[in-house]
Amino acid sequence: RDVSVPPLILQPIVENAVRHGIAPQARGGEVRIVARRENGRLRIAVQNDAPSIEAGPPGNGLALVRRRLDNAYATAYIFSFAPTLGVPAM
């Protein structure tokens, strides 16, 4: 609760998980959002249970997230995304 998170960080990431992972699936799917402290830092993970596909270049939404994080934290953050097999336990 005492960690500052820049505005509009989570929304485009969740939107990306739904648009590119869940929406194409006829059966629907699940998106999991987990936030926790890890080694004195905040870790936020957004995952979907769509079949794994090869990750392409980040789209506009994820590029904007990266810029917001750059502005807020300079180099003191890690932002990554990768395909996974389903929604792994966290």
PDB file of N, CA and C in Angstrom:
ATOM      1  N   ARG A   1       0.811  -1.202   0.000  1.00  0.00           N
ATOM      2  CA  ARG A   1       0.000   0.000   0.000  1.00  0.00           C
ATOM      3  C   ARG A   1       0.847   1.255   0.000  1.00  0.00           C
ATOM      4  N   ASP A   2       2.076   1.124   0.430  1.00  0.00           N
ATOM      5  CA  ASP A   2       2.928   2.307   0.473  1.00  0.00           C
ATOM      6  C   ASP A   2       3.860   2.395  -0.736  1.00  0.00           C
ATOM      7  N   VAL A   3       3.546   1.660  -1.798  1.00  0.00           N
ATOM      8  CA  VAL A   3       4.342   1.684  -3.015  1.00  0.00           C
ATOM      9  C   VAL A   3       3.625   2.538  -4.050  1.00  0.00           C
ATOM     10  N   SER A   4       4.337   3.480  -4.611  1.00  0.00           N
ATOM     11  CA  SER A   4       3.776   4.348  -5.634  1.00  0.00           C
ATOM     12  C   SER A   4       3.863   3.661  -6.997  1.00  0.00           C
ATOM     13  N   VAL A   5       2.738   3.570  -7.665  1.00  0.00           N
ATOM     14  CA  VAL A   5       2.686   2.976  -9.000  1.00  0.00           C
ATOM     15  C   VAL A   5       2.161   4.055  -9.949  1.00  0.00           C
ATOM     16  N   PRO A   6       2.882   4.332 -11.023  1.00  0.00           N
ATOM     17  CA  PRO A   6       2.416   5.362 -11.953  1.00  0.00           C
ATOM     18  C   PRO A   6       1.019   5.037 -12.482  1.00  0.00           C
ATOM     19  N   PRO A   7       0.222   6.070 -12.739  1.00  0.00           N
ATOM     20  CA  PRO A   7      -1.121   5.827 -13.266  1.00  0.00           C
ATOM     21  C   PRO A   7      -1.074   5.183 -14.650  1.00  0.00           C
ATOM     22  N   LEU A   8      -2.114   4.438 -14.948  1.00  0.00           N
ATOM     23  CA  LEU A   8      -2.292   3.790 -16.247  1.00  0.00           C
ATOM     24  C   LEU A   8      -1.161   2.832 -16.612  1.00  0.00           C
ATOM     25  N   ILE A   9      -0.653   2.134 -15.618  1.00  0.00           N
ATOM     26  CA  ILE A   9       0.357   1.110 -15.880  1.00  0.00           C
ATOM     27  C   ILE A   9      -0.310  -0.243 -16.090  1.00  0.00           C
ATOM     28  N   LEU A  10      -1.201  -0.602 -15.219  1.00  0.00           N
ATOM     29  CA  LEU A  10      -1.804  -1.936 -15.246  1.00  0.00           C
ATOM     30  C   LEU A  10      -2.828  -2.097 -16.360  1.00  0.00           C
ATOM     31  N   GLN A  11      -3.632  -1.089 -16.624  1.00  0.00           N
ATOM     32  CA  GLN A  11      -4.726  -1.202 -17.593  1.00  0.00           C
ATOM     33  C   GLN A  11      -4.261  -1.649 -18.980  1.00  0.00           C
ATOM     34  N   PRO A  12      -3.233  -1.045 -19.584  1.00  0.00           N
ATOM     35  CA  PRO A  12      -2.830  -1.506 -20.920  1.00  0.00           C
ATOM     36  C   PRO A  12      -2.239  -2.915 -20.915  1.00  0.00           C
ATOM     37  N   ILE A  13      -1.654  -3.327 -19.804  1.00  0.00           N
ATOM     38  CA  ILE A  13      -1.087  -4.674 -19.732  1.00  0.00           C
ATOM     39  C   ILE A  13      -2.216  -5.700 -19.683  1.00  0.00           C
ATOM     40  N   VAL A  14      -3.230  -5.439 -18.874  1.00  0.00           N
ATOM     41  CA  VAL A  14      -4.383  -6.345 -18.799  1.00  0.00           C
ATOM     42  C   VAL A  14      -5.117  -6.355 -20.143  1.00  0.00           C
ATOM     43  N   GLU A  15      -5.288  -5.189 -20.717  1.00  0.00           N
ATOM     44  CA  GLU A  15      -5.947  -5.097 -22.025  1.00  0.00           C
ATOM     45  C   GLU A  15      -5.205  -5.935 -23.063  1.00  0.00           C
ATOM     46  N   ASN A  16      -3.888  -5.889 -23.054  1.00  0.00           N
ATOM     47  CA  ASN A  16      -3.078  -6.682 -23.972  1.00  0.00           C
ATOM     48  C   ASN A  16      -3.295  -8.182 -23.745  1.00  0.00           C
ATOM     49  N   ALA A  17      -3.344  -8.592 -22.485  1.00  0.00           N
ATOM     50  CA  ALA A  17      -3.559 -10.010 -22.163  1.00  0.00           C
ATOM     51  C   ALA A  17      -4.918 -10.493 -22.658  1.00  0.00           C
ATOM     52  N   VAL A  18      -5.917  -9.632 -22.553  1.00  0.00           N
ATOM     53  CA  VAL A  18      -7.262  -9.999 -23.013  1.00  0.00           C
ATOM     54  C   VAL A  18      -7.330  -9.965 -24.535  1.00  0.00           C
ATOM     55  N   ARG A  19      -6.892  -8.870 -25.131  1.00  0.00           N
ATOM     56  CA  ARG A  19      -7.020  -8.693 -26.587  1.00  0.00           C
ATOM     57  C   ARG A  19      -6.249  -9.757 -27.365  1.00  0.00           C
ATOM     58  N   HIS A  20      -5.013 -10.017 -26.962  1.00  0.00           N
ATOM     59  CA  HIS A  20      -4.174 -10.919 -27.745  1.00  0.00           C
ATOM     60  C   HIS A  20      -4.164 -12.357 -27.235  1.00  0.00           C
ATOM     61  N   GLY A  21      -4.641 -12.571 -26.020  1.00  0.00           N
ATOM     62  CA  GLY A  21      -4.639 -13.921 -25.475  1.00  0.00           C
ATOM     63  C   GLY A  21      -6.016 -14.527 -25.348  1.00  0.00           C
ATOM     64  N   ILE A  22      -6.920 -13.823 -24.702  1.00  0.00           N
ATOM     65  CA  ILE A  22      -8.235 -14.375 -24.382  1.00  0.00           C
ATOM     66  C   ILE A  22      -9.238 -14.196 -25.513  1.00  0.00           C
ATOM     67  N   ALA A  23      -9.330 -13.000 -26.081  1.00  0.00           N
ATOM     68  CA  ALA A  23     -10.352 -12.707 -27.094  1.00  0.00           C
ATOM     69  C   ALA A  23     -10.337 -13.667 -28.286  1.00  0.00           C
ATOM     70  N   PRO A  24      -9.180 -14.082 -28.796  1.00  0.00           N
ATOM     71  CA  PRO A  24      -9.196 -14.994 -29.949  1.00  0.00           C
ATOM     72  C   PRO A  24      -9.668 -16.415 -29.615  1.00  0.00           C
ATOM     73  N   GLN A  25      -9.778 -16.747 -28.340  1.00  0.00           N
ATOM     74  CA  GLN A  25     -10.137 -18.102 -27.938  1.00  0.00           C
ATOM     75  C   GLN A  25     -11.653 -18.264 -27.886  1.00  0.00           C
ATOM     76  N   ALA A  26     -12.197 -19.232 -28.595  1.00  0.00           N
ATOM     77  CA  ALA A  26     -13.644 -19.469 -28.593  1.00  0.00           C
ATOM     78  C   ALA A  26     -14.141 -19.831 -27.200  1.00  0.00           C
ATOM     79  N   ARG A  27     -13.319 -20.482 -26.412  1.00  0.00           N
ATOM     80  CA  ARG A  27     -13.714 -20.934 -25.080  1.00  0.00           C
ATOM     81  C   ARG A  27     -13.584 -19.848 -24.015  1.00  0.00           C
ATOM     82  N   GLY A  28     -13.051 -18.684 -24.384  1.00  0.00           N
ATOM     83  CA  GLY A  28     -12.786 -17.650 -23.380  1.00  0.00           C
ATOM     84  C   GLY A  28     -11.473 -17.935 -22.702  1.00  0.00           C
ATOM     85  N   GLY A  29     -11.339 -17.519 -21.479  1.00  0.00           N
ATOM     86  CA  GLY A  29     -10.087 -17.773 -20.779  1.00  0.00           C
ATOM     87  C   GLY A  29     -10.025 -17.054 -19.453  1.00  0.00           C
ATOM     88  N   GLU A  30      -8.852 -17.068 -18.883  1.00  0.00           N
ATOM     89  CA  GLU A  30      -8.617 -16.505 -17.555  1.00  0.00           C
ATOM     90  C   GLU A  30      -7.416 -15.579 -17.595  1.00  0.00           C
ATOM     91  N   VAL A  31      -7.542 -14.452 -16.906  1.00  0.00           N
ATOM     92  CA  VAL A  31      -6.422 -13.531 -16.715  1.00  0.00           C
ATOM     93  C   VAL A  31      -6.159 -13.478 -15.220  1.00  0.00           C
ATOM     94  N   ARG A  32      -4.905 -13.613 -14.853  1.00  0.00           N
ATOM     95  CA  ARG A  32      -4.524 -13.568 -13.442  1.00  0.00           C
ATOM     96  C   ARG A  32      -3.613 -12.362 -13.228  1.00  0.00           C
ATOM     97  N   ILE A  33      -3.925 -11.596 -12.185  1.00  0.00           N
ATOM     98  CA  ILE A  33      -3.107 -10.443 -11.815  1.00  0.00           C
ATOM     99  C   ILE A  33      -2.616 -10.679 -10.392  1.00  0.00           C
ATOM    100  N   VAL A  34      -1.309 -10.655 -10.218  1.00  0.00           N
ATOM    101  CA  VAL A  34      -0.714 -10.873  -8.908  1.00  0.00           C
ATOM    102  C   VAL A  34       0.226  -9.713  -8.616  1.00  0.00           C
ATOM    103  N   ALA A  35       0.082  -9.128  -7.443  1.00  0.00           N
ATOM    104  CA  ALA A  35       0.995  -8.070  -6.994  1.00  0.00           C
ATOM    105  C   ALA A  35       1.529  -8.464  -5.628  1.00  0.00           C
ATOM    106  N   ARG A  36       2.840  -8.414  -5.470  1.00  0.00           N
ATOM    107  CA  ARG A  36       3.444  -8.760  -4.179  1.00  0.00           C
ATOM    108  C   ARG A  36       4.825  -8.153  -4.066  1.00  0.00           C
ATOM    109  N   ARG A  37       5.275  -8.056  -2.823  1.00  0.00           N
ATOM    110  CA  ARG A  37       6.644  -7.606  -2.565  1.00  0.00           C
ATOM    111  C   ARG A  37       7.574  -8.794  -2.749  1.00  0.00           C
ATOM    112  N   GLU A  38       8.685  -8.518  -3.402  1.00  0.00           N
ATOM    113  CA  GLU A  38       9.676  -9.559  -3.640  1.00  0.00           C
ATOM    114  C   GLU A  38      11.055  -8.913  -3.526  1.00  0.00           C
ATOM    115  N   ASN A  39      11.824  -9.307  -2.551  1.00  0.00           N
ATOM    116  CA  ASN A  39      13.156  -8.731  -2.333  1.00  0.00           C
ATOM    117  C   ASN A  39      13.117  -7.210  -2.214  1.00  0.00           C
ATOM    118  N   GLY A  40      12.133  -6.696  -1.497  1.00  0.00           N
ATOM    119  CA  GLY A  40      12.037  -5.266  -1.268  1.00  0.00           C
ATOM    120  C   GLY A  40      11.483  -4.468  -2.440  1.00  0.00           C
ATOM    121  N   ARG A  41      11.023  -5.151  -3.475  1.00  0.00           N
ATOM    122  CA  ARG A  41      10.468  -4.477  -4.650  1.00  0.00           C
ATOM    123  C   ARG A  41       9.051  -4.977  -4.900  1.00  0.00           C
ATOM    124  N   LEU A  42       8.299  -4.193  -5.639  1.00  0.00           N
ATOM    125  CA  LEU A  42       6.952  -4.588  -6.031  1.00  0.00           C
ATOM    126  C   LEU A  42       7.038  -5.380  -7.321  1.00  0.00           C
ATOM    127  N   ARG A  43       6.403  -6.550  -7.338  1.00  0.00           N
ATOM    128  CA  ARG A  43       6.331  -7.350  -8.558  1.00  0.00           C
ATOM    129  C   ARG A  43       4.866  -7.458  -8.933  1.00  0.00           C
ATOM    130  N   ILE A  44       4.546  -7.059 -10.148  1.00  0.00           N
ATOM    131  CA  ILE A  44       3.191  -7.191 -10.677  1.00  0.00           C
ATOM    132  C   ILE A  44       3.277  -8.111 -11.883  1.00  0.00           C
ATOM    133  N   ALA A  45       2.491  -9.164 -11.867  1.00  0.00           N
ATOM    134  CA  ALA A  45       2.471 -10.101 -12.984  1.00  0.00           C
ATOM    135  C   ALA A  45       1.052 -10.191 -13.529  1.00  0.00           C
ATOM    136  N   VAL A  46       0.936 -10.139 -14.846  1.00  0.00           N
ATOM    137  CA  VAL A  46      -0.341 -10.308 -15.532  1.00  0.00           C
ATOM    138  C   VAL A  46      -0.153 -11.480 -16.482  1.00  0.00           C
ATOM    139  N   GLN A  47      -0.993 -12.493 -16.329  1.00  0.00           N
ATOM    140  CA  GLN A  47      -0.859 -13.697 -17.139  1.00  0.00           C
ATOM    141  C   GLN A  47      -2.225 -14.106 -17.665  1.00  0.00           C
ATOM    142  N   ASN A  48      -2.236 -14.759 -18.838  1.00  0.00           N
ATOM    143  CA  ASN A  48      -3.470 -15.356 -19.318  1.00  0.00           C
ATOM    144  C   ASN A  48      -3.215 -16.826 -19.596  1.00  0.00           C
ATOM    145  N   ASP A  49      -4.305 -17.583 -19.770  1.00  0.00           N
ATOM    146  CA  ASP A  49      -4.155 -19.021 -19.979  1.00  0.00           C
ATOM    147  C   ASP A  49      -4.308 -19.420 -21.446  1.00  0.00           C
ATOM    148  N   ALA A  50      -4.081 -18.481 -22.337  1.00  0.00           N
ATOM    149  CA  ALA A  50      -4.150 -18.776 -23.769  1.00  0.00           C
ATOM    150  C   ALA A  50      -2.971 -19.654 -24.172  1.00  0.00           C
ATOM    151  N   PRO A  51      -3.139 -20.433 -25.231  1.00  0.00           N
ATOM    152  CA  PRO A  51      -1.998 -21.219 -25.714  1.00  0.00           C
ATOM    153  C   PRO A  51      -0.826 -20.297 -26.037  1.00  0.00           C
ATOM    154  N   SER A  52       0.354 -20.777 -25.778  1.00  0.00           N
ATOM    155  CA  SER A  52       1.558 -19.980 -25.987  1.00  0.00           C
ATOM    156  C   SER A  52       1.746 -19.676 -27.465  1.00  0.00           C
ATOM    157  N   ILE A  53       2.074 -18.425 -27.742  1.00  0.00           N
ATOM    158  CA  ILE A  53       2.437 -18.022 -29.095  1.00  0.00           C
ATOM    159  C   ILE A  53       3.767 -17.282 -29.007  1.00  0.00           C
ATOM    160  N   GLU A  54       4.432 -17.170 -30.117  1.00  0.00           N
ATOM    161  CA  GLU A  54       5.711 -16.452 -30.113  1.00  0.00           C
ATOM    162  C   GLU A  54       5.454 -14.973 -29.872  1.00  0.00           C
ATOM    163  N   ALA A  55       6.169 -14.407 -28.946  1.00  0.00           N
ATOM    164  CA  ALA A  55       5.998 -12.992 -28.627  1.00  0.00           C
ATOM    165  C   ALA A  55       6.557 -12.133 -29.751  1.00  0.00           C
ATOM    166  N   GLY A  56       5.761 -11.178 -30.186  1.00  0.00           N
ATOM    167  CA  GLY A  56       6.207 -10.238 -31.201  1.00  0.00           C
ATOM    168  C   GLY A  56       6.715  -8.975 -30.528  1.00  0.00           C
ATOM    169  N   PRO A  57       6.992  -7.964 -31.307  1.00  0.00           N
ATOM    170  CA  PRO A  57       7.439  -6.698 -30.723  1.00  0.00           C
ATOM    171  C   PRO A  57       6.308  -6.072 -29.920  1.00  0.00           C
ATOM    172  N   PRO A  58       6.634  -5.310 -28.880  1.00  0.00           N
ATOM    173  CA  PRO A  58       5.581  -4.698 -28.072  1.00  0.00           C
ATOM    174  C   PRO A  58       4.765  -3.714 -28.895  1.00  0.00           C
ATOM    175  N   GLY A  59       3.463  -3.710 -28.662  1.00  0.00           N
ATOM    176  CA  GLY A  59       2.585  -2.774 -29.351  1.00  0.00           C
ATOM    177  C   GLY A  59       2.614  -1.425 -28.671  1.00  0.00           C
ATOM    178  N   ASN A  60       1.750  -0.530 -29.127  1.00  0.00           N
ATOM    179  CA  ASN A  60       1.712   0.831 -28.593  1.00  0.00           C
ATOM    180  C   ASN A  60       1.423   0.873 -27.105  1.00  0.00           C
ATOM    181  N   GLY A  61       0.474   0.060 -26.640  1.00  0.00           N
ATOM    182  CA  GLY A  61       0.119   0.081 -25.217  1.00  0.00           C
ATOM    183  C   GLY A  61       1.293  -0.289 -24.330  1.00  0.00           C
ATOM    184  N   LEU A  62       2.014  -1.356 -24.697  1.00  0.00           N
ATOM    185  CA  LEU A  62       3.157  -1.788 -23.886  1.00  0.00           C
ATOM    186  C   LEU A  62       4.327  -0.813 -24.019  1.00  0.00           C
ATOM    187  N   ALA A  63       4.470  -0.198 -25.183  1.00  0.00           N
ATOM    188  CA  ALA A  63       5.519   0.819 -25.346  1.00  0.00           C
ATOM    189  C   ALA A  63       5.240   2.023 -24.449  1.00  0.00           C
ATOM    190  N   LEU A  64       3.962   2.398 -24.328  1.00  0.00           N
ATOM    191  CA  LEU A  64       3.601   3.505 -23.433  1.00  0.00           C
ATOM    192  C   LEU A  64       3.870   3.151 -21.974  1.00  0.00           C
ATOM    193  N   VAL A  65       3.595   1.896 -21.608  1.00  0.00           N
ATOM    194  CA  VAL A  65       3.885   1.454 -20.243  1.00  0.00           C
ATOM    195  C   VAL A  65       5.374   1.597 -19.964  1.00  0.00           C
ATOM    196  N   ARG A  66       6.180   1.152 -20.893  1.00  0.00           N
ATOM    197  CA  ARG A  66       7.641   1.247 -20.718  1.00  0.00           C
ATOM    198  C   ARG A  66       8.077   2.706 -20.554  1.00  0.00           C
ATOM    199  N   ARG A  67       7.513   3.610 -21.345  1.00  0.00           N
ATOM    200  CA  ARG A  67       7.865   5.038 -21.223  1.00  0.00           C
ATOM    201  C   ARG A  67       7.445   5.598 -19.868  1.00  0.00           C
ATOM    202  N   ARG A  68       6.264   5.214 -19.388  1.00  0.00           N
ATOM    203  CA  ARG A  68       5.818   5.694 -18.068  1.00  0.00           C
ATOM    204  C   ARG A  68       6.751   5.191 -16.974  1.00  0.00           C
ATOM    205  N   LEU A  69       7.167   3.926 -17.089  1.00  0.00           N
ATOM    206  CA  LEU A  69       8.095   3.380 -16.101  1.00  0.00           C
ATOM    207  C   LEU A  69       9.453   4.078 -16.197  1.00  0.00           C
ATOM    208  N   ASP A  70       9.917   4.350 -17.398  1.00  0.00           N
ATOM    209  CA  ASP A  70      11.174   5.095 -17.579  1.00  0.00           C
ATOM    210  C   ASP A  70      11.095   6.453 -16.893  1.00  0.00           C
ATOM    211  N   ASN A  71       9.986   7.154 -17.109  1.00  0.00           N
ATOM    212  CA  ASN A  71       9.820   8.486 -16.516  1.00  0.00           C
ATOM    213  C   ASN A  71       9.756   8.435 -14.998  1.00  0.00           C
ATOM    214  N   ALA A  72       9.135   7.394 -14.464  1.00  0.00           N
ATOM    215  CA  ALA A  72       8.963   7.297 -13.014  1.00  0.00           C
ATOM    216  C   ALA A  72      10.195   6.737 -12.308  1.00  0.00           C
ATOM    217  N   TYR A  73      10.881   5.760 -12.931  1.00  0.00           N
ATOM    218  CA  TYR A  73      11.925   5.026 -12.217  1.00  0.00           C
ATOM    219  C   TYR A  73      13.281   5.010 -12.910  1.00  0.00           C
ATOM    220  N   ALA A  74      13.418   5.679 -14.036  1.00  0.00           N
ATOM    221  CA  ALA A  74      14.658   5.666 -14.814  1.00  0.00           C
ATOM    222  C   ALA A  74      15.040   4.217 -15.130  1.00  0.00           C
ATOM    223  N   THR A  75      16.100   3.716 -14.536  1.00  0.00           N
ATOM    224  CA  THR A  75      16.513   2.330 -14.812  1.00  0.00           C
ATOM    225  C   THR A  75      16.247   1.395 -13.640  1.00  0.00           C
ATOM    226  N   ALA A  76      15.534   1.862 -12.628  1.00  0.00           N
ATOM    227  CA  ALA A  76      15.313   1.055 -11.419  1.00  0.00           C
ATOM    228  C   ALA A  76      14.034   0.219 -11.517  1.00  0.00           C
ATOM    229  N   TYR A  77      13.828  -0.432 -12.647  1.00  0.00           N
ATOM    230  CA  TYR A  77      12.671  -1.308 -12.817  1.00  0.00           C
ATOM    231  C   TYR A  77      13.014  -2.354 -13.873  1.00  0.00           C
ATOM    232  N   ILE A  78      12.208  -3.398 -13.900  1.00  0.00           N
ATOM    233  CA  ILE A  78      12.304  -4.413 -14.947  1.00  0.00           C
ATOM    234  C   ILE A  78      10.903  -4.578 -15.514  1.00  0.00           C
ATOM    235  N   PHE A  79      10.776  -4.504 -16.813  1.00  0.00           N
ATOM    236  CA  PHE A  79       9.506  -4.711 -17.494  1.00  0.00           C
ATOM    237  C   PHE A  79       9.747  -5.748 -18.567  1.00  0.00           C
ATOM    238  N   SER A  80       9.083  -6.874 -18.463  1.00  0.00           N
ATOM    239  CA  SER A  80       9.292  -7.921 -19.455  1.00  0.00           C
ATOM    240  C   SER A  80       7.974  -8.606 -19.767  1.00  0.00           C
ATOM    241  N   PHE A  81       7.927  -9.228 -20.916  1.00  0.00           N
ATOM    242  CA  PHE A  81       6.770 -10.018 -21.284  1.00  0.00           C
ATOM    243  C   PHE A  81       7.257 -11.174 -22.132  1.00  0.00           C
ATOM    244  N   ALA A  82       6.557 -12.290 -21.998  1.00  0.00           N
ATOM    245  CA  ALA A  82       6.942 -13.484 -22.728  1.00  0.00           C
ATOM    246  C   ALA A  82       5.763 -14.434 -22.785  1.00  0.00           C
ATOM    247  N   PRO A  83       5.697 -15.259 -23.808  1.00  0.00           N
ATOM    248  CA  PRO A  83       4.641 -16.261 -23.853  1.00  0.00           C
ATOM    249  C   PRO A  83       4.887 -17.314 -22.778  1.00  0.00           C
ATOM    250  N   THR A  84       3.801 -17.854 -22.247  1.00  0.00           N
ATOM    251  CA  THR A  84       3.902 -18.920 -21.249  1.00  0.00           C
ATOM    252  C   THR A  84       2.939 -20.025 -21.648  1.00  0.00           C
ATOM    253  N   LEU A  85       3.049 -21.130 -21.020  1.00  0.00           N
ATOM    254  CA  LEU A  85       2.104 -22.231 -21.246  1.00  0.00           C
ATOM    255  C   LEU A  85       1.048 -22.161 -20.152  1.00  0.00           C
ATOM    256  N   GLY A  86      -0.083 -21.576 -20.458  1.00  0.00           N
ATOM    257  CA  GLY A  86      -1.147 -21.444 -19.479  1.00  0.00           C
ATOM    258  C   GLY A  86      -0.806 -20.425 -18.433  1.00  0.00           C
ATOM    259  N   VAL A  87      -1.521 -20.480 -17.320  1.00  0.00           N
ATOM    260  CA  VAL A  87      -1.302 -19.554 -16.224  1.00  0.00           C
ATOM    261  C   VAL A  87      -0.515 -20.297 -15.150  1.00  0.00           C
ATOM    262  N   PRO A  88       0.793 -20.043 -15.071  1.00  0.00           N
ATOM    263  CA  PRO A  88       1.609 -20.756 -14.084  1.00  0.00           C
ATOM    264  C   PRO A  88       1.281 -20.300 -12.652  1.00  0.00           C
ATOM    265  N   ALA A  89       1.530 -21.189 -11.735  1.00  0.00           N
ATOM    266  CA  ALA A  89       1.345 -20.828 -10.311  1.00  0.00           C
ATOM    267  C   ALA A  89       2.368 -19.787  -9.942  1.00  0.00           C
ATOM    268  N   MET A  90       1.966 -18.829  -9.122  1.00  0.00           N
ATOM    269  CA  MET A  90       2.889 -17.791  -8.687  1.00  0.00           C
ATOM    270  C   MET A  90       3.069 -17.831  -7.202  1.00  0.00           C
TER     271      MET A  90
END
